[in-house]
Amino acid sequence: MKIPSSLGTELRRLLELLDGDVERRYASLGLDYRARFTPIVRSLEIVGPASIKSIAHHSGLSHSAVSQTVAQMEKYGLLMLKPGSDSRERIAQPTEKLMEMLPLLHIQWAATYRAAAKLDTELSASLLQIVGEAIAALEHQPFAERIATEIYVPTSAANAYK
């Protein structure tokens, strides 16, 4: 018997289906590159060398997520980190290896965009639009608050942990 799926499980599965195939395409092109690098690369293309804080601001990702991804990209040889004006600040800058990948990455990103648009024609609504709406709603009222308003703990269960 299969257990019922939860929202989190289904979202992870969706992301695995999307990112897994995108990463297989990168590998088929001979690129040692991960889908999670894309928001960092796109931010750096727009603003040039930038701090983790600036990349987080431009990409919409958390500071922690950007910091972890930038560290991974440095290990892949795609970014160099230099000290910023503040001793705690690090400036990320693309390496020659990343710059050489960009033409193929741009082709792949354009194909991915077109494939996503075709996927949307099979859905009841645009996946990107729905995800954007969900993010906006959760930024307005976090999921933790939503759960707190829905929770019911019987008195006997609550007293069991005192």
N, C-alpha and C. Protein backbone atom coordinates (compact mmCIF):
# COMPACT_ATOMS: atom_id res chain seq x y z
N MET A 1 0.84 -1.19 0.00
CA MET A 1 0.00 0.00 0.00
C MET A 1 0.89 1.25 0.00
N LYS A 2 0.58 2.16 -0.88
CA LYS A 2 1.33 3.42 -0.97
C LYS A 2 0.71 4.43 0.00
N ILE A 3 1.58 5.11 0.76
CA ILE A 3 1.06 6.12 1.68
C ILE A 3 0.65 7.36 0.89
N PRO A 4 -0.31 8.13 1.40
CA PRO A 4 -0.72 9.35 0.70
C PRO A 4 0.44 10.35 0.65
N SER A 5 0.57 11.05 -0.46
CA SER A 5 1.63 12.04 -0.61
C SER A 5 1.31 13.30 0.16
N SER A 6 2.38 13.96 0.60
CA SER A 6 2.23 15.27 1.23
C SER A 6 2.72 16.33 0.25
N LEU A 7 2.39 17.57 0.54
CA LEU A 7 2.82 18.67 -0.32
C LEU A 7 4.34 18.69 -0.46
N GLY A 8 5.04 18.57 0.66
CA GLY A 8 6.50 18.59 0.63
C GLY A 8 7.08 17.47 -0.23
N THR A 9 6.52 16.28 -0.10
CA THR A 9 6.98 15.14 -0.88
C THR A 9 6.77 15.39 -2.37
N GLU A 10 5.61 15.88 -2.72
CA GLU A 10 5.31 16.14 -4.14
C GLU A 10 6.18 17.26 -4.70
N LEU A 11 6.45 18.30 -3.91
CA LEU A 11 7.32 19.38 -4.38
C LEU A 11 8.74 18.88 -4.59
N ARG A 12 9.25 18.06 -3.66
CA ARG A 12 10.59 17.49 -3.83
C ARG A 12 10.64 16.62 -5.08
N ARG A 13 9.60 15.83 -5.30
CA ARG A 13 9.55 14.96 -6.49
C ARG A 13 9.54 15.81 -7.77
N LEU A 14 8.74 16.86 -7.79
CA LEU A 14 8.69 17.75 -8.95
C LEU A 14 10.07 18.35 -9.21
N LEU A 15 10.72 18.84 -8.16
CA LEU A 15 12.04 19.44 -8.33
C LEU A 15 13.05 18.41 -8.82
N GLU A 16 12.96 17.18 -8.31
CA GLU A 16 13.85 16.11 -8.79
C GLU A 16 13.63 15.84 -10.27
N LEU A 17 12.36 15.81 -10.69
CA LEU A 17 12.06 15.55 -12.10
C LEU A 17 12.58 16.67 -12.99
N LEU A 18 12.42 17.91 -12.56
CA LEU A 18 12.87 19.05 -13.36
C LEU A 18 14.39 19.17 -13.33
N ASP A 19 14.96 19.35 -12.13
CA ASP A 19 16.40 19.57 -12.01
C ASP A 19 17.21 18.36 -12.44
N GLY A 20 16.70 17.16 -12.16
CA GLY A 20 17.43 15.96 -12.56
C GLY A 20 17.63 15.91 -14.07
N ASP A 21 16.56 16.20 -14.81
CA ASP A 21 16.68 16.18 -16.27
C ASP A 21 17.54 17.33 -16.79
N VAL A 22 17.43 18.49 -16.16
CA VAL A 22 18.27 19.63 -16.57
C VAL A 22 19.74 19.28 -16.35
N GLU A 23 20.04 18.67 -15.21
CA GLU A 23 21.43 18.32 -14.93
C GLU A 23 21.95 17.22 -15.87
N ARG A 24 21.08 16.30 -16.26
CA ARG A 24 21.49 15.29 -17.25
C ARG A 24 21.81 15.96 -18.59
N ARG A 25 21.07 17.00 -18.94
CA ARG A 25 21.35 17.74 -20.18
C ARG A 25 22.72 18.42 -20.08
N TYR A 26 23.00 19.04 -18.93
CA TYR A 26 24.32 19.66 -18.76
C TYR A 26 25.42 18.61 -18.95
N ALA A 27 25.24 17.46 -18.33
CA ALA A 27 26.24 16.39 -18.43
C ALA A 27 26.39 15.93 -19.88
N SER A 28 25.27 15.83 -20.61
CA SER A 28 25.34 15.39 -22.01
C SER A 28 26.09 16.39 -22.88
N LEU A 29 26.13 17.64 -22.44
CA LEU A 29 26.88 18.67 -23.17
C LEU A 29 28.33 18.77 -22.69
N GLY A 30 28.70 17.91 -21.73
CA GLY A 30 30.06 17.92 -21.20
C GLY A 30 30.30 19.01 -20.17
N LEU A 31 29.23 19.55 -19.60
CA LEU A 31 29.35 20.62 -18.62
C LEU A 31 29.30 20.06 -17.20
N ASP A 32 30.29 20.38 -16.40
CA ASP A 32 30.31 20.01 -14.98
C ASP A 32 29.63 21.16 -14.23
N TYR A 33 28.31 21.11 -14.20
CA TYR A 33 27.51 22.25 -13.77
C TYR A 33 26.23 21.72 -13.13
N ARG A 34 25.72 22.42 -12.13
CA ARG A 34 24.48 22.04 -11.44
C ARG A 34 23.41 23.10 -11.65
N ALA A 35 22.17 22.67 -11.70
CA ALA A 35 21.05 23.59 -11.91
C ALA A 35 21.02 24.67 -10.83
N ARG A 36 21.39 24.32 -9.61
CA ARG A 36 21.33 25.29 -8.52
C ARG A 36 22.33 26.45 -8.70
N PHE A 37 23.30 26.30 -9.63
CA PHE A 37 24.26 27.38 -9.88
C PHE A 37 23.66 28.52 -10.70
N THR A 38 22.60 28.24 -11.43
CA THR A 38 22.07 29.19 -12.40
C THR A 38 21.69 30.55 -11.82
N PRO A 39 20.96 30.64 -10.70
CA PRO A 39 20.63 31.98 -10.19
C PRO A 39 21.87 32.79 -9.81
N ILE A 40 22.92 32.11 -9.37
CA ILE A 40 24.17 32.80 -9.01
C ILE A 40 24.82 33.34 -10.29
N VAL A 41 24.92 32.49 -11.30
CA VAL A 41 25.56 32.90 -12.56
C VAL A 41 24.77 34.04 -13.19
N ARG A 42 23.47 33.93 -13.23
CA ARG A 42 22.66 34.99 -13.84
C ARG A 42 22.81 36.31 -13.08
N SER A 43 22.87 36.24 -11.76
CA SER A 43 23.07 37.47 -10.97
C SER A 43 24.42 38.09 -11.31
N LEU A 44 25.46 37.26 -11.37
CA LEU A 44 26.79 37.79 -11.68
C LEU A 44 26.87 38.35 -13.09
N GLU A 45 26.12 37.78 -14.02
CA GLU A 45 26.08 38.33 -15.39
C GLU A 45 25.49 39.73 -15.39
N ILE A 46 24.53 39.97 -14.52
CA ILE A 46 23.86 41.27 -14.48
C ILE A 46 24.67 42.30 -13.71
N VAL A 47 25.17 41.93 -12.52
CA VAL A 47 25.81 42.92 -11.66
C VAL A 47 27.33 42.86 -11.67
N GLY A 48 27.91 41.83 -12.29
CA GLY A 48 29.36 41.67 -12.25
C GLY A 48 29.78 41.08 -10.91
N PRO A 49 31.09 41.06 -10.63
CA PRO A 49 31.55 40.51 -9.36
C PRO A 49 30.76 41.13 -8.20
N ALA A 50 30.35 40.29 -7.26
CA ALA A 50 29.46 40.78 -6.21
C ALA A 50 29.63 40.00 -4.92
N SER A 51 29.19 40.64 -3.85
CA SER A 51 29.21 40.00 -2.53
C SER A 51 28.09 38.97 -2.44
N ILE A 52 28.21 38.10 -1.47
CA ILE A 52 27.17 37.10 -1.22
C ILE A 52 25.84 37.81 -0.95
N LYS A 53 25.90 38.87 -0.17
CA LYS A 53 24.69 39.63 0.16
C LYS A 53 24.03 40.20 -1.11
N SER A 54 24.84 40.76 -1.99
CA SER A 54 24.31 41.33 -3.23
C SER A 54 23.72 40.24 -4.13
N ILE A 55 24.40 39.11 -4.22
CA ILE A 55 23.88 38.00 -5.04
C ILE A 55 22.55 37.52 -4.46
N ALA A 56 22.47 37.40 -3.14
CA ALA A 56 21.22 36.98 -2.49
C ALA A 56 20.10 37.96 -2.83
N HIS A 57 20.40 39.24 -2.77
CA HIS A 57 19.40 40.26 -3.09
C HIS A 57 18.92 40.14 -4.54
N HIS A 58 19.84 40.00 -5.46
CA HIS A 58 19.48 39.96 -6.89
C HIS A 58 18.84 38.64 -7.32
N SER A 59 19.21 37.55 -6.66
CA SER A 59 18.68 36.24 -7.05
C SER A 59 17.38 35.89 -6.35
N GLY A 60 17.12 36.54 -5.21
CA GLY A 60 15.94 36.19 -4.43
C GLY A 60 16.15 34.99 -3.53
N LEU A 61 17.38 34.48 -3.47
CA LEU A 61 17.71 33.36 -2.60
C LEU A 61 18.17 33.86 -1.24
N SER A 62 18.15 32.99 -0.25
CA SER A 62 18.61 33.38 1.08
C SER A 62 20.13 33.53 1.08
N HIS A 63 20.63 34.31 2.03
CA HIS A 63 22.08 34.50 2.18
C HIS A 63 22.76 33.15 2.39
N SER A 64 22.16 32.31 3.22
CA SER A 64 22.72 30.99 3.51
C SER A 64 22.80 30.13 2.26
N ALA A 65 21.72 30.11 1.47
CA ALA A 65 21.71 29.31 0.24
C ALA A 65 22.76 29.79 -0.74
N VAL A 66 22.88 31.11 -0.88
CA VAL A 66 23.89 31.67 -1.80
C VAL A 66 25.29 31.33 -1.31
N SER A 67 25.53 31.49 -0.01
CA SER A 67 26.85 31.20 0.55
C SER A 67 27.25 29.75 0.30
N GLN A 68 26.32 28.82 0.53
CA GLN A 68 26.60 27.39 0.31
C GLN A 68 26.85 27.10 -1.18
N THR A 69 26.03 27.69 -2.04
CA THR A 69 26.16 27.43 -3.47
C THR A 69 27.45 28.04 -4.02
N VAL A 70 27.78 29.24 -3.57
CA VAL A 70 29.03 29.88 -4.01
C VAL A 70 30.23 29.04 -3.57
N ALA A 71 30.19 28.50 -2.36
CA ALA A 71 31.29 27.64 -1.89
C ALA A 71 31.41 26.40 -2.78
N GLN A 72 30.28 25.82 -3.15
CA GLN A 72 30.29 24.66 -4.04
C GLN A 72 30.84 25.04 -5.42
N MET A 73 30.43 26.19 -5.92
CA MET A 73 30.91 26.65 -7.23
C MET A 73 32.41 26.92 -7.21
N GLU A 74 32.91 27.39 -6.08
CA GLU A 74 34.35 27.61 -5.95
C GLU A 74 35.08 26.26 -6.05
N LYS A 75 34.53 25.22 -5.41
CA LYS A 75 35.13 23.88 -5.47
C LYS A 75 35.12 23.34 -6.90
N TYR A 76 34.09 23.68 -7.67
CA TYR A 76 34.00 23.25 -9.07
C TYR A 76 34.91 24.08 -9.98
N GLY A 77 35.55 25.11 -9.42
CA GLY A 77 36.42 25.97 -10.21
C GLY A 77 35.69 26.98 -11.07
N LEU A 78 34.43 27.28 -10.70
CA LEU A 78 33.62 28.21 -11.49
C LEU A 78 33.67 29.64 -10.96
N LEU A 79 33.99 29.79 -9.69
CA LEU A 79 34.07 31.12 -9.07
C LEU A 79 35.37 31.26 -8.29
N MET A 80 35.83 32.50 -8.21
CA MET A 80 36.93 32.88 -7.32
C MET A 80 36.32 33.77 -6.25
N LEU A 81 36.79 33.65 -5.03
CA LEU A 81 36.33 34.52 -3.96
C LEU A 81 37.48 35.41 -3.54
N LYS A 82 37.21 36.70 -3.49
CA LYS A 82 38.21 37.67 -3.07
C LYS A 82 37.67 38.43 -1.88
N PRO A 83 38.55 38.92 -1.01
CA PRO A 83 38.06 39.72 0.13
C PRO A 83 37.43 41.01 -0.36
N GLY A 84 36.37 41.42 0.33
CA GLY A 84 35.70 42.67 0.00
C GLY A 84 36.26 43.80 0.84
N SER A 85 35.57 44.93 0.86
CA SER A 85 36.02 46.09 1.63
C SER A 85 35.93 45.83 3.13
N ASP A 86 35.01 44.98 3.52
CA ASP A 86 34.83 44.57 4.91
C ASP A 86 35.53 43.22 5.06
N SER A 87 36.22 42.98 6.15
CA SER A 87 36.96 41.73 6.30
C SER A 87 36.07 40.49 6.26
N ARG A 88 34.79 40.65 6.59
CA ARG A 88 33.86 39.52 6.55
C ARG A 88 33.25 39.32 5.17
N GLU A 89 33.34 40.32 4.32
CA GLU A 89 32.70 40.27 3.00
C GLU A 89 33.60 39.54 2.00
N ARG A 90 32.97 38.70 1.18
CA ARG A 90 33.68 38.01 0.11
C ARG A 90 33.02 38.38 -1.21
N ILE A 91 33.84 38.63 -2.20
CA ILE A 91 33.34 39.00 -3.53
C ILE A 91 33.53 37.80 -4.46
N ALA A 92 32.42 37.37 -5.06
CA ALA A 92 32.45 36.24 -5.99
C ALA A 92 32.65 36.77 -7.40
N GLN A 93 33.52 36.10 -8.12
CA GLN A 93 33.84 36.51 -9.49
C GLN A 93 33.97 35.26 -10.35
N PRO A 94 33.39 35.27 -11.55
CA PRO A 94 33.48 34.09 -12.44
C PRO A 94 34.93 33.80 -12.83
N THR A 95 35.24 32.52 -12.95
CA THR A 95 36.56 32.11 -13.44
C THR A 95 36.50 31.98 -14.97
N GLU A 96 37.65 31.78 -15.55
CA GLU A 96 37.73 31.55 -17.00
C GLU A 96 36.92 30.30 -17.38
N LYS A 97 36.97 29.28 -16.53
CA LYS A 97 36.23 28.04 -16.79
C LYS A 97 34.73 28.33 -16.94
N LEU A 98 34.19 29.13 -16.04
CA LEU A 98 32.76 29.48 -16.13
C LEU A 98 32.50 30.33 -17.37
N MET A 99 33.37 31.29 -17.64
CA MET A 99 33.17 32.16 -18.80
C MET A 99 33.14 31.33 -20.10
N GLU A 100 33.96 30.29 -20.18
CA GLU A 100 33.98 29.44 -21.37
C GLU A 100 32.70 28.61 -21.49
N MET A 101 32.05 28.32 -20.36
CA MET A 101 30.80 27.55 -20.36
C MET A 101 29.59 28.38 -20.79
N LEU A 102 29.67 29.69 -20.62
CA LEU A 102 28.49 30.54 -20.80
C LEU A 102 27.77 30.39 -22.14
N PRO A 103 28.46 30.31 -23.28
CA PRO A 103 27.70 30.16 -24.53
C PRO A 103 26.81 28.91 -24.53
N LEU A 104 27.33 27.77 -24.07
CA LEU A 104 26.52 26.56 -23.99
C LEU A 104 25.42 26.69 -22.94
N LEU A 105 25.74 27.33 -21.83
CA LEU A 105 24.72 27.53 -20.78
C LEU A 105 23.57 28.37 -21.31
N HIS A 106 23.87 29.42 -22.06
CA HIS A 106 22.81 30.26 -22.62
C HIS A 106 21.90 29.47 -23.56
N ILE A 107 22.50 28.61 -24.37
CA ILE A 107 21.70 27.76 -25.26
C ILE A 107 20.81 26.83 -24.44
N GLN A 108 21.40 26.21 -23.42
CA GLN A 108 20.64 25.30 -22.56
C GLN A 108 19.52 26.03 -21.83
N TRP A 109 19.80 27.22 -21.31
CA TRP A 109 18.77 27.98 -20.58
C TRP A 109 17.61 28.35 -21.51
N ALA A 110 17.92 28.74 -22.74
CA ALA A 110 16.86 29.09 -23.69
C ALA A 110 16.00 27.86 -24.01
N ALA A 111 16.64 26.72 -24.20
CA ALA A 111 15.90 25.48 -24.47
C ALA A 111 15.05 25.09 -23.26
N THR A 112 15.58 25.27 -22.07
CA THR A 112 14.85 24.96 -20.84
C THR A 112 13.63 25.86 -20.71
N TYR A 113 13.80 27.13 -21.03
CA TYR A 113 12.68 28.07 -20.98
C TYR A 113 11.58 27.65 -21.95
N ARG A 114 11.97 27.28 -23.17
CA ARG A 114 10.97 26.86 -24.17
C ARG A 114 10.29 25.56 -23.74
N ALA A 115 11.05 24.62 -23.18
CA ALA A 115 10.46 23.36 -22.71
C ALA A 115 9.49 23.62 -21.56
N ALA A 116 9.82 24.55 -20.67
CA ALA A 116 8.92 24.89 -19.56
C ALA A 116 7.63 25.52 -20.09
N ALA A 117 7.75 26.36 -21.12
CA ALA A 117 6.56 26.97 -21.72
C ALA A 117 5.66 25.89 -22.33
N LYS A 118 6.26 24.89 -22.97
CA LYS A 118 5.47 23.80 -23.54
C LYS A 118 4.84 22.95 -22.44
N LEU A 119 5.56 22.74 -21.34
CA LEU A 119 4.99 22.01 -20.21
C LEU A 119 3.76 22.75 -19.69
N ASP A 120 3.84 24.06 -19.61
CA ASP A 120 2.70 24.87 -19.13
C ASP A 120 1.44 24.63 -19.96
N THR A 121 1.59 24.32 -21.24
CA THR A 121 0.41 24.09 -22.08
C THR A 121 -0.32 22.80 -21.69
N GLU A 122 0.36 21.93 -20.95
CA GLU A 122 -0.26 20.68 -20.49
C GLU A 122 -0.87 20.82 -19.10
N LEU A 123 -0.69 21.98 -18.49
CA LEU A 123 -1.15 22.20 -17.11
C LEU A 123 -2.35 23.13 -17.10
N SER A 124 -3.04 23.17 -15.97
CA SER A 124 -4.20 24.05 -15.84
C SER A 124 -3.78 25.51 -15.65
N ALA A 125 -2.52 25.74 -15.29
CA ALA A 125 -2.00 27.10 -15.11
C ALA A 125 -0.48 27.05 -15.27
N SER A 126 0.13 28.20 -15.46
CA SER A 126 1.58 28.28 -15.58
C SER A 126 2.23 27.86 -14.27
N LEU A 127 3.14 26.90 -14.34
CA LEU A 127 3.84 26.42 -13.15
C LEU A 127 4.60 27.56 -12.48
N LEU A 128 5.29 28.37 -13.26
CA LEU A 128 6.05 29.49 -12.70
C LEU A 128 5.12 30.49 -12.03
N GLN A 129 3.97 30.75 -12.63
CA GLN A 129 3.01 31.69 -12.05
C GLN A 129 2.48 31.15 -10.72
N ILE A 130 2.10 29.88 -10.68
CA ILE A 130 1.57 29.28 -9.46
C ILE A 130 2.63 29.29 -8.35
N VAL A 131 3.85 28.93 -8.70
CA VAL A 131 4.94 28.94 -7.71
C VAL A 131 5.16 30.36 -7.20
N GLY A 132 5.15 31.34 -8.09
CA GLY A 132 5.30 32.74 -7.68
C GLY A 132 4.19 33.19 -6.75
N GLU A 133 2.96 32.79 -7.07
CA GLU A 133 1.83 33.14 -6.21
C GLU A 133 1.97 32.49 -4.84
N ALA A 134 2.41 31.24 -4.80
CA ALA A 134 2.59 30.54 -3.52
C ALA A 134 3.68 31.21 -2.69
N ILE A 135 4.77 31.60 -3.32
CA ILE A 135 5.85 32.28 -2.61
C ILE A 135 5.36 33.60 -2.04
N ALA A 136 4.65 34.38 -2.85
CA ALA A 136 4.12 35.67 -2.38
C ALA A 136 3.17 35.47 -1.20
N ALA A 137 2.30 34.47 -1.28
CA ALA A 137 1.35 34.21 -0.19
C ALA A 137 2.10 33.82 1.09
N LEU A 138 3.15 33.01 0.95
CA LEU A 138 3.91 32.57 2.13
C LEU A 138 4.79 33.68 2.69
N GLU A 139 5.22 34.60 1.84
CA GLU A 139 5.95 35.76 2.35
C GLU A 139 5.01 36.69 3.11
N HIS A 140 3.76 36.73 2.69
CA HIS A 140 2.74 37.54 3.38
C HIS A 140 2.36 36.90 4.72
N GLN A 141 2.12 35.60 4.72
CA GLN A 141 1.82 34.86 5.95
C GLN A 141 2.58 33.54 5.90
N PRO A 142 3.65 33.43 6.69
CA PRO A 142 4.46 32.21 6.67
C PRO A 142 3.66 30.95 6.97
N PHE A 143 4.14 29.84 6.46
CA PHE A 143 3.46 28.56 6.63
C PHE A 143 3.35 28.19 8.11
N ALA A 144 4.36 28.53 8.91
CA ALA A 144 4.32 28.23 10.35
C ALA A 144 3.10 28.89 11.00
N GLU A 145 2.81 30.13 10.62
CA GLU A 145 1.63 30.82 11.15
C GLU A 145 0.36 30.12 10.69
N ARG A 146 0.34 29.69 9.46
CA ARG A 146 -0.84 29.01 8.92
C ARG A 146 -1.08 27.69 9.66
N ILE A 147 0.01 26.96 9.95
CA ILE A 147 -0.12 25.71 10.69
C ILE A 147 -0.62 25.99 12.10
N ALA A 148 -0.05 27.02 12.74
CA ALA A 148 -0.44 27.35 14.12
C ALA A 148 -1.92 27.65 14.23
N THR A 149 -2.51 28.27 13.21
CA THR A 149 -3.94 28.58 13.28
C THR A 149 -4.80 27.35 13.05
N GLU A 150 -4.21 26.27 12.53
CA GLU A 150 -4.96 25.06 12.21
C GLU A 150 -4.77 23.93 13.23
N ILE A 151 -3.80 24.10 14.12
CA ILE A 151 -3.48 22.99 15.00
C ILE A 151 -4.47 22.86 16.16
N TYR A 152 -4.75 21.63 16.49
CA TYR A 152 -5.60 21.33 17.64
C TYR A 152 -4.89 20.25 18.43
N VAL A 153 -4.53 20.56 19.67
CA VAL A 153 -3.90 19.58 20.54
C VAL A 153 -4.85 19.31 21.69
N PRO A 154 -5.36 18.09 21.81
CA PRO A 154 -6.25 17.76 22.93
C PRO A 154 -5.54 18.03 24.25
N THR A 155 -6.27 18.48 25.23
CA THR A 155 -5.71 18.82 26.54
C THR A 155 -4.92 17.65 27.11
N SER A 156 -5.41 16.44 26.99
CA SER A 156 -4.72 15.28 27.55
C SER A 156 -3.35 15.09 26.89
N ALA A 157 -3.25 15.33 25.60
CA ALA A 157 -1.98 15.20 24.90
C ALA A 157 -1.03 16.31 25.30
N ALA A 158 -1.53 17.53 25.44
CA ALA A 158 -0.69 18.66 25.83
C ALA A 158 -0.14 18.45 27.23
N ASN A 159 -0.93 17.90 28.14
CA ASN A 159 -0.49 17.68 29.52
C ASN A 159 0.52 16.54 29.62
N ALA A 160 0.56 15.66 28.66
CA ALA A 160 1.46 14.52 28.69
C ALA A 160 2.92 14.94 28.61
N TYR A 161 3.22 16.12 28.09
CA TYR A 161 4.60 16.57 27.91
C TYR A 161 5.05 17.55 28.98
N LYS A 162 4.23 17.76 30.00
CA LYS A 162 4.60 18.72 31.07
C LYS A 162 5.38 18.04 32.15
